[in-house]
Every structure is written in C-alpha cells, then in structure tokens.
N, C-alpha and C. Protein backbone atom coordinates (compact mmCIF):
# COMPACT_ATOMS: atom_id res chain seq x y z
N UNK A 1 1.04 13.51 -18.47
CA UNK A 1 0.25 13.42 -17.03
C UNK A 1 0.46 14.37 -15.72
N UNK A 2 0.14 14.40 -14.72
CA UNK A 2 0.56 15.23 -13.40
C UNK A 2 1.74 14.32 -12.70
N UNK A 3 2.35 15.31 -12.28
CA UNK A 3 3.65 14.89 -11.23
C UNK A 3 3.18 14.10 -10.09
N UNK A 4 3.72 13.00 -9.42
CA UNK A 4 3.81 12.28 -8.48
C UNK A 4 4.37 12.12 -7.06
N UNK A 5 4.17 12.66 -6.41
CA UNK A 5 4.93 12.99 -5.07
C UNK A 5 5.14 11.90 -4.63
N UNK A 6 6.66 11.81 -3.83
CA UNK A 6 7.03 10.37 -3.00
C UNK A 6 6.28 9.86 -2.19
N UNK A 7 5.21 11.04 -1.20
CA UNK A 7 4.01 10.41 -0.50
C UNK A 7 2.71 9.86 -1.45
N UNK A 8 2.77 10.53 -2.41
CA UNK A 8 1.73 9.24 -3.52
C UNK A 8 1.87 8.43 -3.45
N UNK A 9 3.45 8.38 -3.94
CA UNK A 9 3.62 7.04 -4.81
C UNK A 9 3.17 5.80 -3.70
N UNK A 10 4.07 6.33 -2.28
CA UNK A 10 3.91 5.01 -1.23
C UNK A 10 2.38 4.77 -1.28
N UNK A 11 1.49 6.01 -1.43
CA UNK A 11 -0.09 5.78 -0.54
C UNK A 11 -0.68 4.63 -1.98
N UNK A 12 -0.16 4.75 -3.10
CA UNK A 12 -0.27 4.03 -4.77
C UNK A 12 -0.06 3.05 -4.08
N UNK A 13 1.24 2.63 -3.70
CA UNK A 13 1.90 1.41 -3.39
C UNK A 13 1.13 0.21 -2.40
N UNK A 14 0.98 1.01 -1.68
CA UNK A 14 0.16 0.71 -0.15
C UNK A 14 -1.48 0.38 -0.77
N UNK A 15 -1.97 0.94 -1.45
CA UNK A 15 -3.40 0.86 -1.73
C UNK A 15 -3.37 -0.39 -2.47
N UNK A 16 -2.55 -0.53 -3.50
CA UNK A 16 -2.70 -1.74 -4.47
C UNK A 16 -2.38 -2.88 -3.77
N UNK A 17 -1.31 -2.68 -2.92
CA UNK A 17 -1.19 -3.98 -1.72
C UNK A 17 -2.71 -4.60 -1.13
N UNK A 18 -3.03 -3.27 -0.91
CA UNK A 18 -4.28 -3.82 0.33
C UNK A 18 -5.90 -3.79 -0.42
N UNK A 19 -5.77 -3.47 -1.81
CA UNK A 19 -7.25 -3.65 -2.79
C UNK A 19 -7.05 -5.00 -3.89
N UNK A 20 -7.09 -5.89 -3.88
CA UNK A 20 -7.00 -6.93 -4.71
C UNK A 20 -7.77 -6.55 -5.59
N UNK A 21 -7.25 -7.59 -6.98
CA UNK A 21 -7.51 -7.31 -8.40
C UNK A 21 -9.02 -7.57 -8.47
N UNK A 22 -9.73 -8.07 -7.34
CA UNK A 22 -10.71 -8.84 -7.58
C UNK A 22 -12.02 -7.95 -6.54
N UNK A 23 -11.53 -6.91 -5.87
CA UNK A 23 -11.89 -6.23 -5.18
C UNK A 23 -12.88 -4.77 -5.62
N UNK A 24 -14.54 -5.04 -5.33
CA UNK A 24 -15.36 -4.49 -5.90
C UNK A 24 -14.61 -2.65 -5.59
N UNK A 25 -15.06 -2.03 -6.89
CA UNK A 25 -14.65 -0.72 -6.76
C UNK A 25 -13.15 -0.29 -6.08
N UNK A 26 -12.05 -1.17 -7.14
CA UNK A 26 -10.89 -1.32 -6.63
C UNK A 26 -9.91 0.42 -7.13
N UNK A 27 -10.35 0.42 -7.82
CA UNK A 27 -9.91 1.80 -8.40
C UNK A 27 -10.08 3.17 -7.81
N UNK A 28 -11.59 3.15 -7.18
CA UNK A 28 -12.21 4.01 -6.58
C UNK A 28 -11.81 4.00 -5.12
N UNK A 29 -11.19 3.14 -4.58
CA UNK A 29 -10.77 2.48 -3.16
C UNK A 29 -9.39 3.63 -3.24
N UNK A 30 -8.98 2.48 -4.78
CA UNK A 30 -7.04 3.50 -4.67
C UNK A 30 -7.20 4.71 -4.39
N UNK A 31 -8.03 5.53 -5.31
CA UNK A 31 -7.80 6.62 -5.63
C UNK A 31 -8.09 7.63 -4.06
N UNK A 32 -8.99 7.05 -3.65
CA UNK A 32 -9.57 7.85 -2.13
C UNK A 32 -8.39 7.58 -1.04
N UNK A 33 -7.23 6.36 -1.29
CA UNK A 33 -5.95 6.72 -0.64
C UNK A 33 -5.09 7.17 -1.05
N UNK A 34 -5.16 7.94 -2.32
CA UNK A 34 -3.83 8.64 -2.86
C UNK A 34 -4.24 10.16 -2.73
N UNK A 35 -3.87 11.13 -2.13
CA UNK A 35 -4.41 12.18 -1.96
C UNK A 35 -4.23 13.05 -3.13
N UNK A 36 -5.37 13.59 -4.15
CA UNK A 36 -4.93 14.90 -5.02
C UNK A 36 -4.85 13.84 -6.40
N UNK A 37 -5.25 12.74 -6.44
CA UNK A 37 -5.37 11.77 -7.18
C UNK A 37 -6.89 11.36 -8.44
N UNK A 38 -6.86 11.07 -9.34
CA UNK A 38 -8.64 10.80 -9.85
C UNK A 38 -8.36 9.45 -10.19
N UNK A 39 -9.57 8.92 -10.46
CA UNK A 39 -9.42 7.36 -10.69
C UNK A 39 -8.71 7.20 -11.75
N UNK A 40 -8.60 8.21 -12.84
CA UNK A 40 -8.11 8.16 -14.06
C UNK A 40 -6.53 8.07 -14.38
N UNK A 41 -6.22 9.21 -12.72
CA UNK A 41 -5.01 9.10 -13.20
C UNK A 41 -4.36 7.60 -12.28
N UNK A 42 -4.90 6.92 -11.42
CA UNK A 42 -4.57 6.17 -10.67
C UNK A 42 -4.62 5.12 -11.81
N UNK A 43 -5.64 4.85 -12.59
CA UNK A 43 -5.33 3.70 -13.69
C UNK A 43 -4.72 4.05 -14.58
N UNK A 44 -4.27 5.40 -14.76
CA UNK A 44 -2.91 5.31 -15.91
C UNK A 44 -1.29 4.65 -15.48
N UNK A 45 -1.30 5.35 -13.90
CA UNK A 45 -0.15 5.52 -12.96
C UNK A 45 -0.01 3.66 -13.26
N UNK A 46 -1.20 2.96 -12.86
CA UNK A 46 -1.37 1.44 -13.24
C UNK A 46 -0.40 1.02 -14.23
N UNK A 47 -0.99 1.35 -15.15
CA UNK A 47 -0.97 0.69 -16.96
C UNK A 47 0.79 1.23 -17.11
N UNK A 48 1.09 2.25 -16.69
CA UNK A 48 2.69 2.60 -17.03
C UNK A 48 3.55 1.47 -15.94
N UNK A 49 3.42 1.12 -14.53
CA UNK A 49 3.50 0.17 -13.87
C UNK A 49 3.59 -1.04 -14.51
N UNK A 50 2.53 -1.61 -15.27
CA UNK A 50 2.58 -2.46 -15.53
C UNK A 50 3.60 -2.93 -16.93
N UNK A 51 3.48 -1.79 -17.56
CA UNK A 51 4.66 -1.52 -18.71
C UNK A 51 6.02 -2.02 -18.37
N UNK A 52 6.22 -1.28 -17.36
CA UNK A 52 7.41 -0.77 -16.88
C UNK A 52 8.18 -2.40 -16.69
N UNK A 53 6.98 -3.25 -15.96
CA UNK A 53 7.41 -4.39 -15.30
C UNK A 53 7.29 -5.81 -16.52
N UNK A 54 6.63 -5.41 -17.27
CA UNK A 54 6.89 -6.21 -18.99
C UNK A 54 7.84 -5.82 -19.25
N UNK A 55 8.60 -4.74 -19.21
CA UNK A 55 10.08 -4.25 -20.15
C UNK A 55 10.77 -5.08 -19.29
N UNK A 56 11.06 -5.00 -17.88
CA UNK A 56 11.69 -5.41 -17.31
C UNK A 56 11.85 -7.05 -17.60
N UNK A 57 10.54 -7.86 -17.33
CA UNK A 57 10.72 -9.18 -17.56
C UNK A 57 10.96 -9.71 -19.11
N UNK A 58 10.83 -8.42 -19.67
CA UNK A 58 10.92 -9.09 -21.51
C UNK A 58 12.71 -8.94 -21.55
N UNK A 59 13.17 -8.26 -20.70
CA UNK A 59 14.73 -8.43 -20.54
C UNK A 59 15.37 -7.28 -20.70
N UNK A 60 14.49 -6.02 -21.18
CA UNK A 60 14.77 -4.73 -21.81
C UNK A 60 15.50 -3.69 -20.42
N UNK A 61 15.64 -4.23 -19.65
CA UNK A 61 16.33 -3.67 -18.22
C UNK A 61 16.89 -4.04 -18.01
N UNK A 62 18.66 -3.77 -17.76
CA UNK A 62 19.33 -4.75 -17.28
C UNK A 62 19.44 -4.87 -15.62
N UNK A 63 19.49 -5.89 -15.71
CA UNK A 63 19.16 -6.37 -14.19
C UNK A 63 20.33 -6.20 -13.18
N UNK A 64 19.92 -5.95 -12.02
CA UNK A 64 21.23 -5.28 -11.09
C UNK A 64 22.15 -6.54 -10.50
N UNK A 65 23.16 -6.33 -10.40
CA UNK A 65 24.30 -7.12 -9.93
C UNK A 65 23.80 -7.28 -8.04
N UNK A 66 23.37 -8.09 -7.63
CA UNK A 66 23.36 -8.51 -6.38
C UNK A 66 24.29 -8.94 -5.68
N UNK A 67 24.46 -8.68 -4.08
CA UNK A 67 25.58 -9.13 -3.37
C UNK A 67 25.16 -10.26 -3.53
N UNK A 68 26.54 -10.86 -3.48
CA UNK A 68 26.11 -12.77 -3.45
C UNK A 68 26.35 -13.44 -1.58
N UNK A 69 27.14 -12.20 -1.01
CA UNK A 69 27.51 -12.75 0.11
C UNK A 69 25.92 -12.92 1.27
N UNK A 70 26.72 -13.77 2.70
CA UNK A 70 25.75 -14.49 2.95
C UNK A 70 24.25 -13.28 3.78
N UNK A 71 25.44 -11.61 4.01
CA UNK A 71 24.52 -10.80 4.36
C UNK A 71 23.06 -10.08 3.74
N UNK A 72 23.12 -11.25 2.54
CA UNK A 72 21.86 -10.81 2.05
C UNK A 72 21.93 -8.85 1.48
N UNK A 73 21.08 -7.92 1.47
CA UNK A 73 20.93 -6.88 1.16
C UNK A 73 21.62 -5.58 1.87
N UNK A 74 22.46 -6.07 3.01
CA UNK A 74 22.65 -5.23 3.88
C UNK A 74 24.59 -5.20 3.51
N UNK A 75 25.41 -3.65 4.28
CA UNK A 75 26.44 -3.63 3.40
C UNK A 75 26.66 -2.94 2.54
N UNK A 76 27.27 -3.39 1.52
CA UNK A 76 27.88 -2.56 0.27
C UNK A 76 26.37 -2.19 -0.60
N UNK A 77 25.53 -3.17 -1.12
CA UNK A 77 24.65 -2.98 -1.93
C UNK A 77 23.53 -1.92 -1.39
N UNK A 78 23.51 -2.07 -0.42
CA UNK A 78 22.37 -0.75 0.61
C UNK A 78 23.00 0.38 0.42
N UNK A 79 24.36 0.48 0.56
CA UNK A 79 25.07 2.01 0.19
C UNK A 79 24.56 2.63 -1.05
N UNK A 80 25.16 1.89 -1.91
CA UNK A 80 24.82 1.94 -3.35
C UNK A 80 23.84 1.89 -3.86
N UNK A 81 22.90 1.37 -3.63
CA UNK A 81 21.42 1.03 -3.73
C UNK A 81 21.79 -0.14 -5.38
N UNK A 82 20.11 -0.08 -5.92
CA UNK A 82 20.10 -1.27 -6.77
C UNK A 82 21.05 -0.69 -8.00
N UNK A 83 21.91 -2.18 -8.40
CA UNK A 83 22.50 -2.02 -9.82
C UNK A 83 23.86 -1.32 -9.37
N UNK A 84 24.40 -1.04 -8.34
CA UNK A 84 25.61 -0.24 -8.11
C UNK A 84 25.64 1.34 -8.52
N UNK A 85 24.40 1.94 -8.38
CA UNK A 85 24.53 2.90 -8.38
C UNK A 85 24.69 3.82 -7.25
N UNK A 86 25.65 4.98 -7.30
CA UNK A 86 25.59 5.94 -6.22
C UNK A 86 26.18 7.33 -6.76
N UNK A 87 25.17 7.87 -6.04
CA UNK A 87 24.84 9.66 -6.75
C UNK A 87 24.56 9.35 -7.93
N UNK A 88 23.55 8.32 -8.60
CA UNK A 88 23.00 8.53 -9.66
C UNK A 88 23.67 8.08 -10.88
N UNK A 89 24.93 7.56 -10.77
CA UNK A 89 25.57 6.86 -11.83
C UNK A 89 25.83 5.38 -11.83
N UNK A 90 25.72 4.70 -12.77
CA UNK A 90 25.79 3.46 -12.66
C UNK A 90 27.48 3.26 -12.88
N UNK A 91 28.25 2.41 -11.51
CA UNK A 91 29.35 1.97 -11.63
C UNK A 91 30.10 0.92 -11.99
N UNK A 92 28.57 0.08 -12.61
CA UNK A 92 29.43 -1.17 -13.59
C UNK A 92 29.28 -0.75 -15.35
N UNK A 93 30.43 -1.80 -15.60
CA UNK A 93 30.98 -1.47 -17.04
C UNK A 93 29.48 -1.88 -17.91
N UNK A 94 29.12 -2.91 -17.78
CA UNK A 94 28.06 -3.33 -18.52
C UNK A 94 26.44 -2.82 -18.45
N UNK A 95 26.61 -1.65 -18.28
CA UNK A 95 25.22 -0.72 -17.90
C UNK A 95 24.56 -0.85 -19.53
N UNK A 96 23.56 -1.00 -19.59
CA UNK A 96 22.45 -0.98 -20.81
C UNK A 96 22.88 -2.56 -21.62
N UNK A 97 23.37 -3.81 -21.01
CA UNK A 97 23.53 -4.55 -21.77
C UNK A 97 22.43 -5.22 -20.82
N UNK A 98 22.45 -6.52 -21.27
CA UNK A 98 21.26 -7.69 -20.91
C UNK A 98 22.29 -8.72 -20.41
N UNK A 99 21.53 -9.15 -19.18
CA UNK A 99 22.12 -9.83 -18.02
C UNK A 99 22.28 -11.11 -19.08
N UNK A 100 23.42 -12.10 -18.55
CA UNK A 100 23.61 -13.29 -19.39
C UNK A 100 22.28 -14.23 -19.01
N UNK A 101 22.30 -15.32 -19.69
CA UNK A 101 20.94 -16.05 -19.57
C UNK A 101 21.14 -16.91 -18.19
N UNK A 102 22.59 -17.64 -17.94
CA UNK A 102 22.45 -18.16 -16.60
C UNK A 102 22.39 -17.35 -15.40
N UNK A 103 22.81 -15.60 -15.35
CA UNK A 103 22.43 -14.97 -14.70
C UNK A 103 20.85 -14.80 -14.26
N UNK A 104 20.26 -15.15 -15.32
CA UNK A 104 18.83 -14.81 -15.17
C UNK A 104 18.49 -15.96 -14.23
N UNK A 105 18.44 -17.14 -14.90
CA UNK A 105 18.45 -18.67 -14.60
C UNK A 105 18.33 -18.66 -13.08
N UNK A 106 19.91 -18.00 -12.80
CA UNK A 106 20.14 -18.07 -11.38
C UNK A 106 19.12 -17.21 -10.49
N UNK A 107 18.68 -16.23 -10.94
CA UNK A 107 17.72 -15.54 -9.64
C UNK A 107 16.48 -15.76 -10.32
N UNK A 108 15.99 -16.54 -10.88
CA UNK A 108 14.67 -17.33 -10.94
C UNK A 108 14.19 -17.21 -9.54
N UNK A 109 13.07 -17.36 -8.76
CA UNK A 109 12.76 -17.71 -7.47
C UNK A 109 13.32 -17.08 -6.47
N UNK A 110 14.17 -16.93 -6.65
CA UNK A 110 14.87 -16.03 -5.42
C UNK A 110 14.16 -14.60 -5.14
N UNK A 111 13.45 -14.84 -4.10
CA UNK A 111 12.26 -13.37 -3.31
C UNK A 111 13.26 -12.37 -3.10
N UNK A 112 12.67 -11.27 -3.73
CA UNK A 112 13.09 -9.93 -3.47
C UNK A 112 13.26 -9.66 -1.63
N UNK A 113 14.20 -8.95 -0.85
CA UNK A 113 13.68 -8.55 0.18
C UNK A 113 12.58 -7.07 0.15
N UNK A 114 12.60 -6.68 1.38
CA UNK A 114 11.34 -5.44 1.34
C UNK A 114 11.80 -4.45 0.80
N UNK A 115 13.50 -3.83 1.34
CA UNK A 115 14.16 -2.97 0.81
C UNK A 115 14.07 -3.10 -0.47
N UNK A 116 15.04 -4.47 -1.11
CA UNK A 116 14.85 -4.43 -2.78
C UNK A 116 13.77 -4.02 -3.28
N UNK A 117 12.50 -4.35 -2.98
CA UNK A 117 11.34 -4.10 -3.60
C UNK A 117 11.07 -2.56 -3.55
N UNK A 118 11.33 -2.22 -2.58
CA UNK A 118 10.95 -0.75 -2.50
C UNK A 118 12.03 -0.08 -3.54
N UNK A 119 13.28 -0.46 -3.51
CA UNK A 119 14.35 0.06 -4.78
C UNK A 119 13.55 0.13 -5.96
N UNK A 120 12.99 -1.11 -6.60
CA UNK A 120 12.60 -1.52 -7.67
C UNK A 120 11.87 -0.59 -7.89
N UNK A 121 10.47 -0.58 -7.49
CA UNK A 121 9.63 0.87 -7.27
C UNK A 121 10.13 1.93 -7.20
N UNK A 122 10.94 2.47 -6.69
CA UNK A 122 11.51 3.67 -6.65
C UNK A 122 12.25 4.06 -8.20
N UNK A 123 12.73 2.77 -8.89
CA UNK A 123 13.14 3.20 -9.91
C UNK A 123 12.14 3.03 -10.72
N UNK A 124 11.25 2.58 -10.88
CA UNK A 124 10.04 2.79 -11.80
C UNK A 124 9.30 3.80 -12.06
N UNK A 125 9.56 4.43 -10.69
CA UNK A 125 8.54 5.52 -10.96
C UNK A 125 9.27 6.71 -11.46
N UNK A 126 10.71 6.80 -11.38
CA UNK A 126 11.54 7.47 -11.85
C UNK A 126 11.49 7.43 -13.64
N UNK A 127 11.11 6.60 -13.99
CA UNK A 127 10.75 6.86 -15.71
C UNK A 127 9.36 7.03 -16.20
C-alpha cells in the first residue's frame, strides 16, 4: 500500500476519534479528513492498526518500562521515548522478551498520558 505522511497519520487519528464506530458513513467521513487517501486505504490502515493492537494485547510486543517516579511522563522517559529508546536504539537488555506477568498486572488499568498515547501510535505507524 502507499506510504503515509506524519500529517496524514495525525489526520487519521483525529478522524478516528471524531467519528465513532456507529457513525453513518464513518469511513467516507474519515477519508474526507485525510488528504490523498481513499476509503479503501483508510480501511486498510485501520485494519493494520487493529492487528498491531491485537499483537500488543496478546503479549507479542514487549511492554515499555515506565518511569515509576511521581513525575509521570516527564524527565528521562520523555527524553528517551517509549521503552527507553534513544536515537532509534533500545537501551534495555531485555529487548524482545515478554514483560513478566506481575508487570502486566501492575500496569492494567493505569491510563496513559496523552504523550504516551502519541508515542504508542507513532510506534504502531512505523510497523
């Protein structure tokens, strides 16, 4: 399929948030908000996103290490990005391994910040 620019990805994300799943003509409305993309390309991009989320939820993608300080997503975590990546390289020794069951349980129900959400979406788009 065709390449997606960062601007198109942002427009896609915003349109997904704007038009709920039960909206009439949802895909046409989303395509109208994403310059240069057809309804078919929008649907394909969405299916890829759903597949990526399913892989993450199935534990096939390692969870990032979150800064446990009270500062939240500020400080070192925001300088390095999700998962301790800096300059495109992972700084952690357990890259490619599943997080422990206790880590997964600990993170359940903790809402992501807006910045963390953007970082996850940008990583999904890279795949």
